[in-house]
Amino acid sequence: MGCINLILATIKTFEDLECWQEARKFVGLVYRLTQNEFFRKDFELVKQVRGSVISSMANIAEGFHRNSTKDFLKFLDYSCASVAETVSPCYIALDQQYISKSELERLKKQADIVGKKVNNFIAYLNRTLPPKNPVQPLKPMKPVKPVKQANPIKPIKNDELQP
């Protein structure tokens, strides 16, 4: 059971999350673009772009099944980073004329939707879910009473150390 299930009764699986649904659309768009005649021949670029777009979707699912809110938030953050990691190399694809400017704009629009959905979800979780281990305020210390020694220790003289 994912940690989000504890607070959102309508969310049963990661597939129910809007941010994951939009990330899935983003994956589909990237796969269609990377299948065009010219783009698909640049194996390294295709691998980079597909790998990062898959991570944008997969990190949402993985975070959902983590055992703490802190971990879930970390994976949502990774998802956002993967969205940016997907868009950046697509400028290389544009510069190499593998995709058109309008295709890049469509990709950036979907990337923006995913990023906003994930960021809005992060903000919601930060407002709604209590931290797993909240920091407790420090309690003031009580004054310590001096301890009386029953038998004070006498200093050792140098001549007492000699055999």
N, C-alpha and C. Protein backbone atom coordinates (compact mmCIF):
# COMPACT_ATOMS: atom_id res chain seq x y z
N MET A 1 0.85 -1.18 0.00
CA MET A 1 0.00 0.00 0.00
C MET A 1 0.88 1.24 0.00
N GLY A 2 0.68 2.14 -0.94
CA GLY A 2 1.47 3.36 -1.01
C GLY A 2 1.13 4.32 0.12
N CYS A 3 2.09 5.17 0.46
CA CYS A 3 1.88 6.08 1.59
C CYS A 3 0.75 7.07 1.31
N ILE A 4 0.52 7.40 0.06
CA ILE A 4 -0.54 8.35 -0.26
C ILE A 4 -1.91 7.78 0.02
N ASN A 5 -2.04 6.44 0.02
CA ASN A 5 -3.34 5.82 0.29
C ASN A 5 -3.86 6.19 1.67
N LEU A 6 -2.97 6.53 2.57
CA LEU A 6 -3.38 6.86 3.93
C LEU A 6 -4.19 8.14 3.98
N ILE A 7 -3.99 9.04 3.05
CA ILE A 7 -4.65 10.35 3.13
C ILE A 7 -5.70 10.55 2.04
N LEU A 8 -5.51 9.97 0.88
CA LEU A 8 -6.42 10.21 -0.23
C LEU A 8 -7.23 8.95 -0.53
N ALA A 9 -8.45 8.93 -0.11
CA ALA A 9 -9.29 7.74 -0.27
C ALA A 9 -9.57 7.42 -1.73
N THR A 10 -9.58 8.42 -2.59
CA THR A 10 -9.91 8.17 -4.00
C THR A 10 -8.71 7.65 -4.80
N ILE A 11 -7.52 7.76 -4.25
CA ILE A 11 -6.31 7.30 -4.93
C ILE A 11 -5.97 5.91 -4.42
N LYS A 12 -6.15 4.93 -5.29
CA LYS A 12 -5.87 3.54 -4.89
C LYS A 12 -4.54 3.04 -5.46
N THR A 13 -4.19 3.52 -6.66
CA THR A 13 -2.96 3.09 -7.31
C THR A 13 -2.27 4.31 -7.91
N PHE A 14 -1.02 4.15 -8.28
CA PHE A 14 -0.31 5.27 -8.90
C PHE A 14 -0.97 5.67 -10.22
N GLU A 15 -1.66 4.72 -10.87
CA GLU A 15 -2.34 5.03 -12.14
C GLU A 15 -3.46 6.05 -11.95
N ASP A 16 -3.95 6.19 -10.73
CA ASP A 16 -5.00 7.17 -10.43
C ASP A 16 -4.46 8.60 -10.33
N LEU A 17 -3.16 8.76 -10.19
CA LEU A 17 -2.57 10.09 -10.04
C LEU A 17 -2.56 10.83 -11.37
N GLU A 18 -3.08 12.04 -11.36
CA GLU A 18 -3.11 12.84 -12.60
C GLU A 18 -1.72 13.09 -13.14
N CYS A 19 -0.76 13.31 -12.24
CA CYS A 19 0.60 13.58 -12.72
C CYS A 19 1.17 12.36 -13.45
N TRP A 20 0.87 11.16 -12.98
CA TRP A 20 1.34 9.96 -13.66
C TRP A 20 0.64 9.81 -15.02
N GLN A 21 -0.65 10.10 -15.08
CA GLN A 21 -1.39 10.01 -16.33
C GLN A 21 -0.82 10.98 -17.38
N GLU A 22 -0.48 12.18 -16.95
CA GLU A 22 0.11 13.16 -17.88
C GLU A 22 1.52 12.75 -18.27
N ALA A 23 2.27 12.15 -17.34
CA ALA A 23 3.61 11.66 -17.66
C ALA A 23 3.52 10.54 -18.69
N ARG A 24 2.49 9.72 -18.59
CA ARG A 24 2.30 8.65 -19.58
C ARG A 24 2.06 9.23 -20.97
N LYS A 25 1.27 10.28 -21.05
CA LYS A 25 1.06 10.95 -22.35
C LYS A 25 2.37 11.51 -22.89
N PHE A 26 3.18 12.05 -21.98
CA PHE A 26 4.49 12.59 -22.35
C PHE A 26 5.37 11.48 -22.94
N VAL A 27 5.36 10.31 -22.33
CA VAL A 27 6.13 9.17 -22.83
C VAL A 27 5.66 8.81 -24.24
N GLY A 28 4.35 8.74 -24.44
CA GLY A 28 3.80 8.41 -25.76
C GLY A 28 4.24 9.40 -26.83
N LEU A 29 4.21 10.68 -26.47
CA LEU A 29 4.62 11.72 -27.41
C LEU A 29 6.10 11.57 -27.78
N VAL A 30 6.93 11.36 -26.79
CA VAL A 30 8.37 11.20 -27.05
C VAL A 30 8.63 9.97 -27.92
N TYR A 31 7.94 8.89 -27.63
CA TYR A 31 8.14 7.68 -28.46
C TYR A 31 7.73 7.93 -29.90
N ARG A 32 6.62 8.64 -30.11
CA ARG A 32 6.21 8.93 -31.49
C ARG A 32 7.25 9.79 -32.20
N LEU A 33 7.75 10.81 -31.49
CA LEU A 33 8.75 11.70 -32.11
C LEU A 33 10.06 10.97 -32.42
N THR A 34 10.46 10.07 -31.54
CA THR A 34 11.75 9.38 -31.74
C THR A 34 11.65 8.24 -32.76
N GLN A 35 10.45 7.95 -33.23
CA GLN A 35 10.29 6.92 -34.25
C GLN A 35 10.35 7.48 -35.67
N ASN A 36 10.47 8.82 -35.79
CA ASN A 36 10.50 9.35 -37.15
C ASN A 36 11.79 8.93 -37.86
N GLU A 37 11.77 9.00 -39.15
CA GLU A 37 12.83 8.45 -40.01
C GLU A 37 14.24 8.89 -39.63
N PHE A 38 14.41 10.15 -39.28
CA PHE A 38 15.75 10.66 -39.01
C PHE A 38 16.15 10.50 -37.54
N PHE A 39 15.23 10.79 -36.66
CA PHE A 39 15.52 10.74 -35.23
C PHE A 39 15.91 9.32 -34.81
N ARG A 40 15.19 8.34 -35.26
CA ARG A 40 15.42 6.96 -34.80
C ARG A 40 16.80 6.42 -35.14
N LYS A 41 17.47 7.05 -36.11
CA LYS A 41 18.82 6.59 -36.50
C LYS A 41 19.91 7.09 -35.56
N ASP A 42 19.58 8.08 -34.75
CA ASP A 42 20.55 8.61 -33.77
C ASP A 42 20.34 7.84 -32.47
N PHE A 43 20.93 6.66 -32.41
CA PHE A 43 20.66 5.72 -31.32
C PHE A 43 20.95 6.29 -29.93
N GLU A 44 22.06 7.00 -29.80
CA GLU A 44 22.43 7.56 -28.49
C GLU A 44 21.42 8.61 -28.03
N LEU A 45 21.02 9.46 -28.93
CA LEU A 45 20.06 10.51 -28.57
C LEU A 45 18.70 9.90 -28.24
N VAL A 46 18.28 8.93 -29.02
CA VAL A 46 17.01 8.24 -28.75
C VAL A 46 17.05 7.58 -27.37
N LYS A 47 18.17 6.90 -27.09
CA LYS A 47 18.31 6.23 -25.78
C LYS A 47 18.23 7.23 -24.64
N GLN A 48 18.90 8.36 -24.79
CA GLN A 48 18.90 9.40 -23.75
C GLN A 48 17.49 9.95 -23.53
N VAL A 49 16.83 10.32 -24.60
CA VAL A 49 15.51 10.96 -24.49
C VAL A 49 14.47 9.96 -23.96
N ARG A 50 14.49 8.75 -24.48
CA ARG A 50 13.53 7.76 -24.01
C ARG A 50 13.80 7.37 -22.56
N GLY A 51 15.05 7.23 -22.21
CA GLY A 51 15.38 6.87 -20.83
C GLY A 51 14.90 7.91 -19.83
N SER A 52 15.11 9.17 -20.14
CA SER A 52 14.70 10.22 -19.20
C SER A 52 13.17 10.37 -19.15
N VAL A 53 12.50 10.19 -20.27
CA VAL A 53 11.04 10.33 -20.24
C VAL A 53 10.40 9.16 -19.50
N ILE A 54 11.01 7.97 -19.64
CA ILE A 54 10.52 6.82 -18.87
C ILE A 54 10.70 7.09 -17.38
N SER A 55 11.83 7.67 -17.01
CA SER A 55 12.08 8.00 -15.59
C SER A 55 11.06 9.00 -15.06
N SER A 56 10.62 9.93 -15.90
CA SER A 56 9.64 10.91 -15.43
C SER A 56 8.35 10.23 -14.98
N MET A 57 7.97 9.18 -15.66
CA MET A 57 6.76 8.44 -15.32
C MET A 57 7.04 7.41 -14.21
N ALA A 58 8.14 6.69 -14.34
CA ALA A 58 8.46 5.61 -13.41
C ALA A 58 8.73 6.12 -11.99
N ASN A 59 9.33 7.28 -11.86
CA ASN A 59 9.62 7.81 -10.52
C ASN A 59 8.35 8.13 -9.74
N ILE A 60 7.31 8.52 -10.42
CA ILE A 60 6.04 8.77 -9.75
C ILE A 60 5.50 7.46 -9.18
N ALA A 61 5.53 6.41 -10.00
CA ALA A 61 5.05 5.10 -9.55
C ALA A 61 5.91 4.55 -8.41
N GLU A 62 7.22 4.65 -8.55
CA GLU A 62 8.10 4.12 -7.51
C GLU A 62 7.92 4.88 -6.20
N GLY A 63 7.84 6.18 -6.28
CA GLY A 63 7.64 6.98 -5.07
C GLY A 63 6.33 6.66 -4.37
N PHE A 64 5.31 6.39 -5.15
CA PHE A 64 4.00 6.06 -4.58
C PHE A 64 4.07 4.84 -3.69
N HIS A 65 4.94 3.91 -4.01
CA HIS A 65 5.05 2.66 -3.26
C HIS A 65 6.16 2.68 -2.22
N ARG A 66 6.70 3.84 -1.95
CA ARG A 66 7.67 3.96 -0.86
C ARG A 66 6.93 4.06 0.47
N ASN A 67 7.64 3.85 1.55
CA ASN A 67 6.99 3.78 2.86
C ASN A 67 6.96 5.08 3.64
N SER A 68 7.44 6.14 3.05
CA SER A 68 7.40 7.41 3.77
C SER A 68 7.06 8.55 2.83
N THR A 69 6.46 9.56 3.39
CA THR A 69 6.14 10.76 2.62
C THR A 69 7.41 11.40 2.09
N LYS A 70 8.45 11.41 2.93
CA LYS A 70 9.73 12.00 2.53
C LYS A 70 10.26 11.33 1.27
N ASP A 71 10.23 10.00 1.23
CA ASP A 71 10.69 9.27 0.05
C ASP A 71 9.81 9.55 -1.16
N PHE A 72 8.50 9.59 -0.95
CA PHE A 72 7.58 9.86 -2.05
C PHE A 72 7.89 11.23 -2.65
N LEU A 73 8.07 12.22 -1.79
CA LEU A 73 8.38 13.58 -2.27
C LEU A 73 9.70 13.61 -3.03
N LYS A 74 10.67 12.84 -2.57
CA LYS A 74 11.97 12.77 -3.24
C LYS A 74 11.80 12.22 -4.67
N PHE A 75 11.00 11.18 -4.83
CA PHE A 75 10.80 10.59 -6.15
C PHE A 75 9.97 11.49 -7.05
N LEU A 76 9.05 12.25 -6.48
CA LEU A 76 8.32 13.22 -7.29
C LEU A 76 9.28 14.30 -7.80
N ASP A 77 10.22 14.69 -6.96
CA ASP A 77 11.24 15.66 -7.37
C ASP A 77 12.10 15.08 -8.50
N TYR A 78 12.47 13.80 -8.38
CA TYR A 78 13.23 13.15 -9.44
C TYR A 78 12.44 13.16 -10.75
N SER A 79 11.13 12.97 -10.65
CA SER A 79 10.28 12.98 -11.84
C SER A 79 10.37 14.33 -12.55
N CYS A 80 10.29 15.40 -11.78
CA CYS A 80 10.40 16.75 -12.38
C CYS A 80 11.75 16.94 -13.07
N ALA A 81 12.80 16.47 -12.42
CA ALA A 81 14.14 16.60 -13.02
C ALA A 81 14.21 15.80 -14.32
N SER A 82 13.57 14.66 -14.36
CA SER A 82 13.58 13.83 -15.57
C SER A 82 12.82 14.50 -16.71
N VAL A 83 11.80 15.26 -16.38
CA VAL A 83 11.07 16.01 -17.42
C VAL A 83 12.02 16.99 -18.10
N ALA A 84 12.77 17.75 -17.29
CA ALA A 84 13.74 18.70 -17.86
C ALA A 84 14.83 17.97 -18.64
N GLU A 85 15.25 16.83 -18.11
CA GLU A 85 16.28 16.03 -18.76
C GLU A 85 15.80 15.50 -20.12
N THR A 86 14.50 15.39 -20.28
CA THR A 86 13.93 14.94 -21.56
C THR A 86 13.89 16.09 -22.57
N VAL A 87 13.50 17.26 -22.12
CA VAL A 87 13.33 18.39 -23.03
C VAL A 87 14.67 18.88 -23.58
N SER A 88 15.66 18.97 -22.72
CA SER A 88 16.94 19.55 -23.14
C SER A 88 17.55 18.88 -24.38
N PRO A 89 17.70 17.55 -24.42
CA PRO A 89 18.28 16.96 -25.62
C PRO A 89 17.38 17.05 -26.85
N CYS A 90 16.13 17.38 -26.64
CA CYS A 90 15.25 17.55 -27.80
C CYS A 90 15.63 18.80 -28.60
N TYR A 91 16.34 19.73 -27.97
CA TYR A 91 16.88 20.86 -28.73
C TYR A 91 17.97 20.38 -29.70
N ILE A 92 18.69 19.36 -29.30
CA ILE A 92 19.67 18.76 -30.22
C ILE A 92 18.93 18.16 -31.40
N ALA A 93 17.83 17.47 -31.13
CA ALA A 93 17.02 16.89 -32.20
C ALA A 93 16.50 17.99 -33.14
N LEU A 94 16.11 19.12 -32.57
CA LEU A 94 15.66 20.26 -33.38
C LEU A 94 16.82 20.78 -34.23
N ASP A 95 17.97 20.97 -33.60
CA ASP A 95 19.14 21.50 -34.32
C ASP A 95 19.61 20.56 -35.43
N GLN A 96 19.41 19.27 -35.24
CA GLN A 96 19.79 18.29 -36.26
C GLN A 96 18.67 18.06 -37.28
N GLN A 97 17.58 18.77 -37.11
CA GLN A 97 16.40 18.71 -37.98
C GLN A 97 15.73 17.34 -37.95
N TYR A 98 15.81 16.68 -36.78
CA TYR A 98 15.07 15.43 -36.59
C TYR A 98 13.61 15.72 -36.28
N ILE A 99 13.36 16.85 -35.63
CA ILE A 99 12.00 17.27 -35.31
C ILE A 99 11.84 18.74 -35.71
N SER A 100 10.59 19.13 -35.89
CA SER A 100 10.30 20.51 -36.26
C SER A 100 10.12 21.38 -35.01
N LYS A 101 10.11 22.66 -35.22
CA LYS A 101 9.89 23.60 -34.11
C LYS A 101 8.52 23.36 -33.49
N SER A 102 7.52 23.09 -34.30
CA SER A 102 6.17 22.86 -33.76
C SER A 102 6.12 21.56 -32.94
N GLU A 103 6.88 20.55 -33.36
CA GLU A 103 6.94 19.31 -32.58
C GLU A 103 7.63 19.56 -31.24
N LEU A 104 8.69 20.35 -31.26
CA LEU A 104 9.36 20.69 -30.00
C LEU A 104 8.42 21.47 -29.09
N GLU A 105 7.68 22.39 -29.65
CA GLU A 105 6.73 23.18 -28.84
C GLU A 105 5.64 22.28 -28.23
N ARG A 106 5.17 21.32 -28.99
CA ARG A 106 4.16 20.38 -28.46
C ARG A 106 4.76 19.55 -27.32
N LEU A 107 6.01 19.12 -27.50
CA LEU A 107 6.70 18.36 -26.46
C LEU A 107 6.89 19.22 -25.21
N LYS A 108 7.32 20.47 -25.40
CA LYS A 108 7.51 21.37 -24.25
C LYS A 108 6.20 21.66 -23.53
N LYS A 109 5.10 21.75 -24.29
CA LYS A 109 3.79 21.99 -23.68
C LYS A 109 3.40 20.82 -22.79
N GLN A 110 3.60 19.59 -23.26
CA GLN A 110 3.26 18.41 -22.45
C GLN A 110 4.22 18.30 -21.26
N ALA A 111 5.48 18.63 -21.47
CA ALA A 111 6.45 18.63 -20.36
C ALA A 111 6.02 19.61 -19.29
N ASP A 112 5.53 20.77 -19.70
CA ASP A 112 5.08 21.79 -18.76
C ASP A 112 3.86 21.29 -17.96
N ILE A 113 2.96 20.60 -18.63
CA ILE A 113 1.78 20.04 -17.96
C ILE A 113 2.22 19.04 -16.89
N VAL A 114 3.13 18.14 -17.27
CA VAL A 114 3.62 17.14 -16.31
C VAL A 114 4.30 17.83 -15.13
N GLY A 115 5.20 18.75 -15.43
CA GLY A 115 5.93 19.46 -14.36
C GLY A 115 5.00 20.17 -13.40
N LYS A 116 3.98 20.84 -13.94
CA LYS A 116 3.03 21.56 -13.08
C LYS A 116 2.20 20.59 -12.24
N LYS A 117 1.76 19.51 -12.83
CA LYS A 117 0.97 18.52 -12.08
C LYS A 117 1.80 17.93 -10.94
N VAL A 118 3.04 17.58 -11.23
CA VAL A 118 3.90 17.00 -10.19
C VAL A 118 4.17 18.04 -9.11
N ASN A 119 4.52 19.25 -9.50
CA ASN A 119 4.81 20.30 -8.51
C ASN A 119 3.59 20.65 -7.67
N ASN A 120 2.42 20.69 -8.28
CA ASN A 120 1.20 20.94 -7.51
C ASN A 120 0.92 19.81 -6.53
N PHE A 121 1.21 18.58 -6.94
CA PHE A 121 1.01 17.44 -6.06
C PHE A 121 2.00 17.48 -4.90
N ILE A 122 3.23 17.86 -5.19
CA ILE A 122 4.23 18.02 -4.12
C ILE A 122 3.75 19.07 -3.11
N ALA A 123 3.27 20.20 -3.61
CA ALA A 123 2.79 21.26 -2.71
C ALA A 123 1.61 20.76 -1.88
N TYR A 124 0.71 20.01 -2.50
CA TYR A 124 -0.43 19.46 -1.79
C TYR A 124 0.03 18.52 -0.67
N LEU A 125 0.95 17.62 -1.00
CA LEU A 125 1.44 16.68 0.00
C LEU A 125 2.14 17.39 1.15
N ASN A 126 2.89 18.42 0.83
CA ASN A 126 3.57 19.18 1.88
C ASN A 126 2.58 19.87 2.82
N ARG A 127 1.44 20.29 2.29
CA ARG A 127 0.41 20.93 3.12
C ARG A 127 -0.41 19.92 3.90
N THR A 128 -0.61 18.73 3.36
CA THR A 128 -1.58 17.77 3.87
C THR A 128 -0.99 16.71 4.78
N LEU A 129 0.12 16.13 4.37
CA LEU A 129 0.65 14.99 5.10
C LEU A 129 1.63 15.43 6.18
N PRO A 130 1.46 14.89 7.37
CA PRO A 130 2.43 15.22 8.42
C PRO A 130 3.75 14.52 8.13
N PRO A 131 4.85 15.15 8.52
CA PRO A 131 6.12 14.46 8.32
C PRO A 131 6.17 13.20 9.17
N LYS A 132 6.89 12.20 8.70
CA LYS A 132 6.95 10.92 9.42
C LYS A 132 7.59 11.09 10.79
N ASN A 133 8.65 11.83 10.89
CA ASN A 133 9.34 12.05 12.15
C ASN A 133 9.47 13.55 12.39
N PRO A 134 8.40 14.19 12.88
CA PRO A 134 8.49 15.64 13.07
C PRO A 134 9.55 16.00 14.11
N VAL A 135 10.19 17.11 13.89
CA VAL A 135 11.20 17.58 14.83
C VAL A 135 10.50 18.15 16.04
N GLN A 136 10.90 17.67 17.20
CA GLN A 136 10.31 18.14 18.45
C GLN A 136 11.11 19.32 18.96
N PRO A 137 10.43 20.35 19.51
CA PRO A 137 11.19 21.47 20.06
C PRO A 137 11.96 21.01 21.29
N LEU A 138 13.10 21.62 21.49
CA LEU A 138 13.92 21.27 22.65
C LEU A 138 13.26 21.77 23.93
N LYS A 139 13.33 20.96 24.98
CA LYS A 139 12.81 21.35 26.27
C LYS A 139 13.92 22.05 27.03
N PRO A 140 13.57 23.08 27.82
CA PRO A 140 14.63 23.74 28.58
C PRO A 140 15.23 22.77 29.60
N MET A 141 16.53 22.89 29.79
CA MET A 141 17.21 22.03 30.74
C MET A 141 16.98 22.52 32.16
N LYS A 142 16.87 21.58 33.08
CA LYS A 142 16.75 21.93 34.49
C LYS A 142 18.15 22.18 35.02
N PRO A 143 18.26 23.09 35.97
CA PRO A 143 19.59 23.33 36.54
C PRO A 143 20.11 22.07 37.23
N VAL A 144 21.37 21.83 37.10
CA VAL A 144 22.01 20.68 37.71
C VAL A 144 22.58 21.09 39.06
N LYS A 145 22.24 20.30 40.10
CA LYS A 145 22.77 20.59 41.43
C LYS A 145 24.18 20.04 41.52
N PRO A 146 25.07 20.78 42.17
CA PRO A 146 26.43 20.26 42.32
C PRO A 146 26.43 19.03 43.22
N VAL A 147 27.29 18.09 42.89
CA VAL A 147 27.40 16.85 43.66
C VAL A 147 28.56 17.01 44.64
N LYS A 148 28.30 16.67 45.94
CA LYS A 148 29.36 16.70 46.94
C LYS A 148 30.11 15.39 46.88
N GLN A 149 31.41 15.48 46.91
CA GLN A 149 32.22 14.28 46.91
C GLN A 149 32.41 13.82 48.36
N ALA A 150 32.18 12.53 48.60
CA ALA A 150 32.33 11.99 49.94
C ALA A 150 33.79 11.98 50.34
N ASN A 151 34.64 11.49 49.51
CA ASN A 151 36.07 11.42 49.78
C ASN A 151 36.79 12.12 48.64
N PRO A 152 37.18 13.35 48.86
CA PRO A 152 37.88 14.05 47.78
C PRO A 152 39.15 13.32 47.40
N ILE A 153 39.49 13.35 46.15
CA ILE A 153 40.69 12.69 45.65
C ILE A 153 41.88 13.59 45.94
N LYS A 154 42.91 12.97 46.59
CA LYS A 154 44.12 13.73 46.89
C LYS A 154 45.05 13.65 45.68
N PRO A 155 45.68 14.75 45.36
CA PRO A 155 46.64 14.71 44.25
C PRO A 155 47.83 13.82 44.62
N ILE A 156 48.37 13.15 43.62
CA ILE A 156 49.52 12.27 43.82
C ILE A 156 50.79 13.10 43.70
N LYS A 157 51.68 12.89 44.66
CA LYS A 157 52.94 13.60 44.65
C LYS A 157 53.93 12.82 43.81
N ASN A 158 54.89 13.53 43.22
CA ASN A 158 55.88 12.88 42.37
C ASN A 158 56.67 11.80 43.09
N ASP A 159 57.02 12.02 44.35
CA ASP A 159 57.81 11.01 45.07
C ASP A 159 57.00 9.76 45.38
N GLU A 160 55.68 9.83 45.31
CA GLU A 160 54.85 8.65 45.54
C GLU A 160 54.83 7.74 44.30
N LEU A 161 55.19 8.28 43.13
CA LEU A 161 55.21 7.50 41.91
C LEU A 161 56.47 6.67 41.76
N GLN A 162 57.52 7.03 42.51
CA GLN A 162 58.79 6.32 42.41
C GLN A 162 58.69 4.97 43.12
N PRO A 163 59.29 3.90 42.53
CA PRO A 163 59.24 2.59 43.19
C PRO A 163 60.15 2.50 44.39
